[in-house]
Amino acid sequence: MRRILLLLSLLLFSCKNDVSETIQETNLAKEIDKKTGIVDVSDIELEIYDYDGLEPIINKKDNKIHVVNFWATWCGPCVKELPYFEDMNKKYKADNVEVLLVSLDFPNKYESQLKPFIKKYDLKSKVVAFDDTNQNRWIPAINNDWSGALPATIIYNKSKRKFYEQSFTKEELEKEIQQFLN
């Protein structure tokens, strides 16, 4: 119980609840209902996983370099670094680099916050939602040293794996990916 309370405290206080202006907004005027202000997200298909479903996705043994970022829309540092992951996804796609954005948004916010966020910022990287309440199981399974704070990232290929409990600048993220490309 203590660990769960600590985890919740870390998650709530490790990220500011603001949305950075660093992501360029797309024009959603035609997709917003003028009366209600609601964004049409009916075209956003969101895959939702518990740890058993996510585990094979974050532990592939193929010829790709996988960049897995754990984030949430309510996490300021997460939102600030998202454009860098999007840039790396675009820049290194031809080099077999695959970016996966694993949202830890709360399930009751998928329709009202996560899907509109994906649409608003036109995220091209694959986004999945992670819904598993057993933090005592999945946090150490992802990385034994992870406190549960966001953002967190795994970069791996079939022979090397690194875990980062930090936010990145664009240059830092590219430097880490380059280590896997060389």
Protein backbone atom coordinates (compact mmCIF):
# COMPACT_ATOMS: atom_id res chain seq x y z
CA MET A 1 0.00 0.00 0.00
CA ARG A 2 2.82 2.36 0.84
CA ARG A 3 4.44 1.75 -2.53
CA ILE A 4 1.20 2.54 -4.34
CA LEU A 5 0.82 5.81 -2.45
CA LEU A 6 4.43 6.69 -3.18
CA LEU A 7 3.94 5.88 -6.85
CA LEU A 8 0.81 7.98 -7.09
CA SER A 9 2.59 10.87 -5.38
CA LEU A 10 5.53 10.59 -7.76
CA LEU A 11 3.28 10.46 -10.81
CA LEU A 12 1.22 13.43 -9.70
CA PHE A 13 4.10 15.64 -8.60
CA SER A 14 6.83 14.67 -11.07
CA CYS A 15 5.00 16.32 -13.95
CA LYS A 16 3.41 19.73 -14.09
CA ASN A 17 -0.17 19.82 -15.28
CA ASP A 18 0.42 22.17 -18.18
CA VAL A 19 0.50 21.85 -21.92
CA SER A 20 3.61 23.19 -23.57
CA GLU A 21 3.42 25.57 -26.48
CA THR A 22 6.33 23.73 -28.12
CA ILE A 23 4.05 21.55 -30.23
CA GLN A 24 2.72 23.38 -33.24
CA GLU A 25 -1.08 23.30 -33.27
CA THR A 26 -2.96 22.02 -36.29
CA ASN A 27 -6.11 23.59 -37.66
CA LEU A 28 -9.03 21.73 -36.08
CA ALA A 29 -11.70 24.32 -36.81
CA LYS A 30 -13.58 22.07 -39.19
CA GLU A 31 -13.47 19.18 -36.71
CA ILE A 32 -14.75 21.08 -33.67
CA ASP A 33 -18.48 21.30 -33.10
CA LYS A 34 -19.07 25.05 -32.83
CA LYS A 35 -21.86 24.68 -30.25
CA THR A 36 -20.24 22.19 -27.89
CA GLY A 37 -16.53 22.77 -28.60
CA ILE A 38 -16.06 19.00 -28.79
CA VAL A 39 -13.41 17.62 -31.14
CA ASP A 40 -14.56 14.74 -33.34
CA VAL A 41 -12.28 11.84 -32.42
CA SER A 42 -14.36 9.07 -33.94
CA ASP A 43 -11.56 8.35 -36.43
CA ILE A 44 -8.95 7.79 -33.68
CA GLU A 45 -8.54 4.08 -32.95
CA LEU A 46 -6.80 3.57 -29.64
CA GLU A 47 -5.27 0.25 -28.70
CA ILE A 48 -5.42 -0.34 -24.94
CA TYR A 49 -3.13 -2.79 -23.18
CA ASP A 50 -2.52 -4.17 -19.74
CA TYR A 51 1.03 -5.28 -18.93
CA ASP A 52 0.55 -8.78 -20.39
CA GLY A 53 -0.50 -7.21 -23.69
CA LEU A 54 2.20 -4.53 -23.68
CA GLU A 55 5.08 -6.78 -22.65
CA PRO A 56 5.64 -8.43 -26.06
CA ILE A 57 5.43 -5.03 -27.78
CA ILE A 58 8.19 -3.52 -25.64
CA ASN A 59 10.43 -6.60 -25.83
CA LYS A 60 10.60 -7.41 -29.55
CA LYS A 61 13.55 -9.38 -30.91
CA ASP A 62 13.64 -8.10 -34.47
CA ASN A 63 16.01 -6.03 -36.60
CA LYS A 64 14.55 -2.67 -35.56
CA ILE A 65 15.55 -0.08 -33.03
CA HIS A 66 12.59 0.52 -30.74
CA VAL A 67 12.03 3.78 -28.91
CA VAL A 68 9.27 3.40 -26.30
CA ASN A 69 8.23 6.55 -24.48
CA PHE A 70 5.96 6.44 -21.41
CA TRP A 71 4.08 9.73 -21.13
CA ALA A 72 0.74 11.37 -20.30
CA THR A 73 -1.13 14.42 -21.56
CA TRP A 74 -1.12 15.88 -18.03
CA CYS A 75 2.68 15.67 -17.76
CA GLY A 76 4.30 18.95 -18.82
CA PRO A 77 7.81 17.54 -19.41
CA CYS A 78 6.28 14.66 -21.41
CA VAL A 79 4.34 17.01 -23.66
CA LYS A 80 7.39 19.24 -24.11
CA GLU A 81 9.52 16.38 -25.44
CA LEU A 82 6.88 14.76 -27.68
CA PRO A 83 7.92 16.78 -30.76
CA TYR A 84 11.41 15.30 -30.45
CA PHE A 85 10.03 11.76 -30.55
CA GLU A 86 7.91 12.74 -33.54
CA ASP A 87 11.00 14.17 -35.27
CA MET A 88 13.02 11.01 -34.59
CA ASN A 89 10.17 8.84 -35.86
CA LYS A 90 10.13 10.76 -39.14
CA LYS A 91 13.90 11.18 -39.50
CA TYR A 92 14.92 7.58 -38.75
CA LYS A 93 11.95 5.58 -40.06
CA ALA A 94 14.02 4.47 -43.08
CA ASP A 95 16.75 3.30 -40.65
CA ASN A 96 14.36 0.82 -39.00
CA VAL A 97 13.70 3.01 -35.98
CA GLU A 98 10.19 2.59 -34.59
CA VAL A 99 8.72 5.00 -32.03
CA LEU A 100 5.94 3.90 -29.71
CA LEU A 101 4.22 6.39 -27.39
CA VAL A 102 2.66 4.61 -24.40
CA SER A 103 0.11 6.88 -22.75
CA LEU A 104 -0.47 6.51 -19.03
CA ASP A 105 -3.49 8.79 -19.12
CA PHE A 106 -6.37 7.63 -16.97
CA PRO A 107 -8.95 5.47 -18.82
CA ASN A 108 -11.76 7.93 -18.08
CA LYS A 109 -9.75 10.59 -19.99
CA TYR A 110 -9.16 8.65 -23.23
CA GLU A 111 -12.10 10.24 -25.05
CA SER A 112 -11.96 13.72 -23.50
CA GLN A 113 -8.17 14.29 -23.35
CA LEU A 114 -5.99 11.63 -24.97
CA LYS A 115 -7.75 11.23 -28.32
CA PRO A 116 -8.25 14.98 -28.81
CA PHE A 117 -4.56 15.49 -27.95
CA ILE A 118 -3.50 12.91 -30.55
CA LYS A 119 -5.67 14.64 -33.14
CA LYS A 120 -4.77 18.20 -32.17
CA TYR A 121 -1.05 17.58 -32.44
CA ASP A 122 -1.39 15.18 -35.36
CA LEU A 123 0.84 12.55 -33.76
CA LYS A 124 2.29 10.21 -36.39
CA SER A 125 4.10 7.84 -34.03
CA LYS A 126 2.05 4.89 -32.87
CA VAL A 127 0.18 5.75 -29.66
CA VAL A 128 -1.23 3.11 -27.34
CA ALA A 129 -2.91 3.46 -23.97
CA PHE A 130 -1.67 1.53 -20.97
CA ASP A 131 -4.29 0.50 -18.43
CA ASP A 132 -2.98 -1.71 -15.65
CA THR A 133 -3.55 -0.87 -12.00
CA ASN A 134 -0.97 -3.33 -10.65
CA GLN A 135 1.98 -0.89 -10.55
CA ASN A 136 3.83 -3.17 -8.11
CA ARG A 137 4.05 -5.69 -10.94
CA TRP A 138 4.61 -3.70 -14.11
CA ILE A 139 6.91 -0.87 -12.97
CA PRO A 140 9.75 -3.21 -11.88
CA ALA A 141 9.00 -5.49 -14.85
CA ILE A 142 9.63 -2.61 -17.24
CA ASN A 143 12.76 -1.58 -15.34
CA ASN A 144 13.75 -2.53 -11.81
CA ASP A 145 15.19 0.95 -11.14
CA TRP A 146 12.13 2.86 -12.35
CA SER A 147 10.41 4.90 -9.64
CA GLY A 148 7.30 5.24 -11.80
CA ALA A 149 7.89 8.93 -12.60
CA LEU A 150 7.20 10.29 -16.07
CA PRO A 151 8.53 10.71 -18.64
CA ALA A 152 10.42 7.47 -19.05
CA THR A 153 11.87 5.92 -22.19
CA ILE A 154 13.27 2.60 -23.32
CA ILE A 155 15.50 2.37 -26.38
CA TYR A 156 16.38 -1.13 -27.45
CA ASN A 157 17.24 -3.53 -30.23
CA LYS A 158 17.77 -7.28 -30.19
CA SER A 159 21.17 -6.97 -28.50
CA LYS A 160 21.09 -3.78 -26.41
CA ARG A 161 18.60 -2.07 -24.09
CA LYS A 162 18.74 1.25 -22.18
CA PHE A 163 16.19 2.76 -19.81
CA TYR A 164 15.92 6.51 -19.14
CA GLU A 165 13.89 8.07 -16.35
CA GLN A 166 14.23 11.60 -17.64
CA SER A 167 13.02 14.05 -20.22
CA PHE A 168 15.09 14.69 -23.33
CA THR A 169 16.14 17.60 -25.45
CA LYS A 170 16.05 16.89 -29.16
CA GLU A 171 19.85 16.64 -29.24
CA GLU A 172 19.99 14.24 -26.28
CA LEU A 173 17.38 11.94 -27.78
CA GLU A 174 19.10 11.90 -31.15
CA LYS A 175 22.45 11.16 -29.51
CA GLU A 176 20.96 8.14 -27.71
CA ILE A 177 19.34 6.83 -30.89
CA GLN A 178 22.61 7.30 -32.77
CA GLN A 179 24.31 4.96 -30.28
CA PHE A 180 21.95 2.22 -31.41
CA LEU A 181 22.43 3.02 -35.10
CA ASN A 182 26.24 2.74 -34.91
